[in-house]
């Protein structure tokens, strides 16, 4: 079952790295309008507060994606182990 386990690991790694890449792009695009607002007198502080909340929210969403991915990999590993055990028992 090495091939299936390798495939599981590869998919998990791709999802994790993909989520991180998309998060970085999302954060860089999302901050642009708030940086403009930060440059307007009187809006600096509210814009900074909103930017902080926005970054935490975006980060939280991608953290959840990575946690779900890790849990899915854990479940897949358990299934692979059970299939391997069953094959060993049948031999």
N, C-alpha and C. Protein backbone atom coordinates (compact mmCIF):
# COMPACT_ATOMS: atom_id res chain seq x y z
N UNK A 1 0.82 -1.20 0.00
CA UNK A 1 0.00 0.00 0.00
C UNK A 1 0.86 1.26 0.00
N UNK A 2 2.15 1.09 -0.22
CA UNK A 2 3.03 2.25 -0.25
C UNK A 2 2.60 3.28 -1.26
N UNK A 3 2.14 2.85 -2.41
CA UNK A 3 1.73 3.77 -3.47
C UNK A 3 0.52 4.60 -3.04
N UNK A 4 -0.44 3.96 -2.43
CA UNK A 4 -1.63 4.68 -1.96
C UNK A 4 -1.25 5.66 -0.85
N UNK A 5 -0.39 5.22 0.05
CA UNK A 5 0.05 6.09 1.14
C UNK A 5 0.83 7.28 0.57
N UNK A 6 1.68 7.02 -0.42
CA UNK A 6 2.43 8.11 -1.06
C UNK A 6 1.48 9.10 -1.73
N UNK A 7 0.45 8.57 -2.38
CA UNK A 7 -0.54 9.43 -3.03
C UNK A 7 -1.29 10.27 -2.00
N UNK A 8 -1.66 9.65 -0.89
CA UNK A 8 -2.33 10.37 0.20
C UNK A 8 -1.45 11.51 0.71
N UNK A 9 -0.18 11.20 0.92
CA UNK A 9 0.76 12.23 1.40
C UNK A 9 0.92 13.36 0.39
N UNK A 10 0.98 13.00 -0.88
CA UNK A 10 1.14 14.00 -1.94
C UNK A 10 -0.08 14.92 -2.00
N UNK A 11 -1.27 14.34 -1.96
CA UNK A 11 -2.50 15.14 -1.99
C UNK A 11 -2.56 16.06 -0.77
N UNK A 12 -2.24 15.53 0.40
CA UNK A 12 -2.26 16.35 1.61
C UNK A 12 -1.29 17.52 1.48
N UNK A 13 -0.10 17.24 0.99
CA UNK A 13 0.91 18.30 0.83
C UNK A 13 0.45 19.35 -0.17
N UNK A 14 -0.13 18.91 -1.30
CA UNK A 14 -0.62 19.86 -2.31
C UNK A 14 -1.72 20.76 -1.75
N UNK A 15 -2.66 20.17 -1.03
CA UNK A 15 -3.75 20.96 -0.46
C UNK A 15 -3.20 21.96 0.56
N UNK A 16 -2.29 21.50 1.40
CA UNK A 16 -1.72 22.38 2.43
C UNK A 16 -0.93 23.53 1.80
N UNK A 17 -0.06 23.21 0.87
CA UNK A 17 0.74 24.26 0.22
C UNK A 17 -0.15 25.17 -0.63
N UNK A 18 -1.15 24.58 -1.28
CA UNK A 18 -2.08 25.38 -2.08
C UNK A 18 -2.86 26.35 -1.22
N UNK A 19 -3.33 25.88 -0.08
CA UNK A 19 -4.06 26.77 0.84
C UNK A 19 -3.18 27.91 1.32
N UNK A 20 -1.93 27.61 1.61
CA UNK A 20 -1.01 28.65 2.06
C UNK A 20 -0.74 29.66 0.96
N UNK A 21 -0.55 29.19 -0.27
CA UNK A 21 -0.31 30.10 -1.40
C UNK A 21 -1.52 30.99 -1.66
N UNK A 22 -2.70 30.40 -1.66
CA UNK A 22 -3.92 31.17 -1.90
C UNK A 22 -4.14 32.17 -0.76
N UNK A 23 -3.84 31.76 0.47
CA UNK A 23 -3.98 32.66 1.62
C UNK A 23 -3.08 33.88 1.45
N UNK A 24 -1.84 33.66 1.04
CA UNK A 24 -0.91 34.78 0.84
C UNK A 24 -1.42 35.75 -0.23
N UNK A 25 -1.93 35.20 -1.33
CA UNK A 25 -2.47 36.04 -2.40
C UNK A 25 -3.71 36.78 -1.91
N UNK A 26 -4.59 36.06 -1.22
CA UNK A 26 -5.82 36.64 -0.68
C UNK A 26 -5.49 37.82 0.24
N UNK A 27 -4.53 37.61 1.14
CA UNK A 27 -4.15 38.68 2.08
C UNK A 27 -3.58 39.89 1.34
N UNK A 28 -2.75 39.63 0.34
CA UNK A 28 -2.12 40.76 -0.36
C UNK A 28 -3.14 41.57 -1.17
N UNK A 29 -4.13 40.90 -1.73
CA UNK A 29 -5.16 41.61 -2.50
C UNK A 29 -6.13 42.32 -1.55
N UNK A 30 -6.51 41.64 -0.48
CA UNK A 30 -7.51 42.20 0.45
C UNK A 30 -7.01 43.45 1.16
N UNK A 31 -5.72 43.57 1.35
CA UNK A 31 -5.21 44.73 2.09
C UNK A 31 -5.12 45.99 1.25
N UNK A 32 -5.17 45.87 -0.07
CA UNK A 32 -4.98 47.03 -0.94
C UNK A 32 -5.97 48.17 -0.69
N UNK A 33 -7.28 47.91 -0.69
CA UNK A 33 -8.21 49.03 -0.45
C UNK A 33 -8.07 49.63 0.95
N UNK A 34 -7.71 48.79 1.91
CA UNK A 34 -7.55 49.30 3.28
C UNK A 34 -6.30 50.16 3.41
N UNK A 35 -5.28 49.85 2.65
CA UNK A 35 -4.08 50.70 2.66
C UNK A 35 -4.40 52.08 2.09
N UNK A 36 -5.29 52.12 1.10
CA UNK A 36 -5.72 53.42 0.56
C UNK A 36 -6.47 54.19 1.64
N UNK A 37 -7.38 53.51 2.33
CA UNK A 37 -8.13 54.18 3.40
C UNK A 37 -7.21 54.66 4.52
N UNK A 38 -6.15 53.89 4.80
CA UNK A 38 -5.20 54.29 5.84
C UNK A 38 -4.49 55.60 5.49
N UNK A 39 -4.43 55.91 4.22
CA UNK A 39 -3.74 57.14 3.80
C UNK A 39 -4.64 58.38 3.87
N UNK A 40 -5.91 58.18 4.18
CA UNK A 40 -6.86 59.30 4.27
C UNK A 40 -6.95 59.75 5.73
N UNK A 41 -6.74 61.04 5.91
CA UNK A 41 -6.77 61.60 7.26
C UNK A 41 -8.12 61.32 7.93
N UNK A 42 -8.04 60.83 9.14
CA UNK A 42 -9.25 60.53 9.90
C UNK A 42 -9.70 59.08 9.76
N UNK A 43 -9.20 58.40 8.75
CA UNK A 43 -9.58 57.00 8.55
C UNK A 43 -8.45 56.02 8.88
N UNK A 44 -7.31 56.58 9.28
CA UNK A 44 -6.14 55.72 9.52
C UNK A 44 -6.44 54.63 10.55
N UNK A 45 -6.91 55.03 11.70
CA UNK A 45 -7.13 54.08 12.79
C UNK A 45 -8.26 53.09 12.49
N UNK A 46 -9.43 53.55 12.01
CA UNK A 46 -10.48 52.57 11.68
C UNK A 46 -10.01 51.58 10.60
N UNK A 47 -9.28 52.08 9.61
CA UNK A 47 -8.80 51.20 8.54
C UNK A 47 -7.82 50.17 9.08
N UNK A 48 -6.95 50.59 9.99
CA UNK A 48 -5.99 49.65 10.59
C UNK A 48 -6.73 48.57 11.39
N UNK A 49 -7.76 48.99 12.12
CA UNK A 49 -8.55 48.03 12.89
C UNK A 49 -9.26 47.02 12.00
N UNK A 50 -9.84 47.53 10.92
CA UNK A 50 -10.53 46.65 9.97
C UNK A 50 -9.53 45.71 9.31
N UNK A 51 -8.37 46.25 8.95
CA UNK A 51 -7.33 45.44 8.31
C UNK A 51 -6.89 44.30 9.23
N UNK A 52 -6.74 44.59 10.51
CA UNK A 52 -6.35 43.57 11.48
C UNK A 52 -7.40 42.47 11.58
N UNK A 53 -8.66 42.88 11.68
CA UNK A 53 -9.76 41.91 11.75
C UNK A 53 -9.81 41.08 10.47
N UNK A 54 -9.66 41.74 9.33
CA UNK A 54 -9.70 41.06 8.04
C UNK A 54 -8.58 40.02 7.94
N UNK A 55 -7.37 40.39 8.33
CA UNK A 55 -6.24 39.46 8.26
C UNK A 55 -6.46 38.25 9.17
N UNK A 56 -6.98 38.50 10.37
CA UNK A 56 -7.25 37.39 11.29
C UNK A 56 -8.35 36.48 10.75
N UNK A 57 -9.37 37.07 10.14
CA UNK A 57 -10.47 36.27 9.58
C UNK A 57 -9.98 35.42 8.42
N UNK A 58 -9.25 36.04 7.51
CA UNK A 58 -8.72 35.30 6.36
C UNK A 58 -7.78 34.19 6.85
N UNK A 59 -6.89 34.52 7.78
CA UNK A 59 -5.98 33.51 8.32
C UNK A 59 -6.72 32.37 8.98
N UNK A 60 -7.79 32.70 9.70
CA UNK A 60 -8.59 31.67 10.36
C UNK A 60 -9.24 30.71 9.39
N UNK A 61 -9.74 31.25 8.29
CA UNK A 61 -10.38 30.40 7.27
C UNK A 61 -9.37 29.40 6.70
N UNK A 62 -8.19 29.89 6.36
CA UNK A 62 -7.18 29.00 5.78
C UNK A 62 -6.61 28.04 6.82
N UNK A 63 -6.57 28.44 8.08
CA UNK A 63 -6.17 27.51 9.14
C UNK A 63 -7.16 26.35 9.23
N UNK A 64 -8.45 26.67 9.12
CA UNK A 64 -9.47 25.62 9.15
C UNK A 64 -9.31 24.68 7.97
N UNK A 65 -9.04 25.22 6.79
CA UNK A 65 -8.82 24.38 5.61
C UNK A 65 -7.66 23.43 5.87
N UNK A 66 -6.56 23.93 6.42
CA UNK A 66 -5.40 23.08 6.70
C UNK A 66 -5.72 22.04 7.77
N UNK A 67 -6.52 22.40 8.78
CA UNK A 67 -6.90 21.44 9.82
C UNK A 67 -7.79 20.34 9.26
N UNK A 68 -8.74 20.71 8.41
CA UNK A 68 -9.61 19.71 7.78
C UNK A 68 -8.77 18.79 6.91
N UNK A 69 -7.83 19.35 6.18
CA UNK A 69 -6.93 18.56 5.34
C UNK A 69 -6.13 17.56 6.19
N UNK A 70 -5.61 18.02 7.32
CA UNK A 70 -4.84 17.13 8.20
C UNK A 70 -5.72 16.01 8.75
N UNK A 71 -6.96 16.35 9.12
CA UNK A 71 -7.88 15.34 9.65
C UNK A 71 -8.25 14.33 8.56
N UNK A 72 -8.46 14.82 7.34
CA UNK A 72 -8.77 13.92 6.22
C UNK A 72 -7.60 12.96 5.98
N UNK A 73 -6.38 13.47 6.07
CA UNK A 73 -5.20 12.62 5.89
C UNK A 73 -5.11 11.58 7.01
N UNK A 74 -5.46 11.99 8.21
CA UNK A 74 -5.46 11.07 9.36
C UNK A 74 -6.46 9.94 9.14
N UNK A 75 -7.65 10.29 8.68
CA UNK A 75 -8.69 9.29 8.41
C UNK A 75 -8.25 8.36 7.29
N UNK A 76 -7.67 8.94 6.23
CA UNK A 76 -7.19 8.13 5.11
C UNK A 76 -6.11 7.17 5.59
N UNK A 77 -5.23 7.62 6.46
CA UNK A 77 -4.17 6.76 7.00
C UNK A 77 -4.76 5.60 7.78
N UNK A 78 -5.79 5.85 8.56
CA UNK A 78 -6.46 4.79 9.31
C UNK A 78 -7.09 3.76 8.37
N UNK A 79 -7.70 4.23 7.30
CA UNK A 79 -8.32 3.33 6.32
C UNK A 79 -7.25 2.49 5.65
N UNK A 80 -6.16 3.12 5.24
CA UNK A 80 -5.07 2.39 4.59
C UNK A 80 -4.52 1.31 5.54
N UNK A 81 -4.33 1.66 6.80
CA UNK A 81 -3.82 0.69 7.78
C UNK A 81 -4.78 -0.48 7.94
N UNK A 82 -6.08 -0.21 7.96
CA UNK A 82 -7.07 -1.29 8.10
C UNK A 82 -7.06 -2.20 6.88
N UNK A 83 -6.94 -1.63 5.70
CA UNK A 83 -6.88 -2.44 4.47
C UNK A 83 -5.62 -3.29 4.47
N UNK A 84 -4.50 -2.71 4.87
CA UNK A 84 -3.24 -3.47 4.95
C UNK A 84 -3.36 -4.62 5.95
N UNK A 85 -3.96 -4.34 7.09
CA UNK A 85 -4.15 -5.37 8.12
C UNK A 85 -5.03 -6.49 7.60
N UNK A 86 -6.09 -6.13 6.90
CA UNK A 86 -7.00 -7.14 6.35
C UNK A 86 -6.27 -8.01 5.34
N UNK A 87 -5.46 -7.41 4.49
CA UNK A 87 -4.69 -8.18 3.50
C UNK A 87 -3.72 -9.13 4.18
N UNK A 88 -3.06 -8.66 5.25
CA UNK A 88 -2.13 -9.51 5.99
C UNK A 88 -2.86 -10.69 6.62
N UNK A 89 -4.03 -10.43 7.17
CA UNK A 89 -4.82 -11.49 7.81
C UNK A 89 -5.28 -12.53 6.80
N UNK A 90 -5.53 -12.10 5.57
CA UNK A 90 -6.01 -13.02 4.53
C UNK A 90 -4.89 -13.89 3.99
N UNK A 91 -3.65 -13.45 4.16
CA UNK A 91 -2.52 -14.21 3.61
C UNK A 91 -2.11 -15.35 4.48
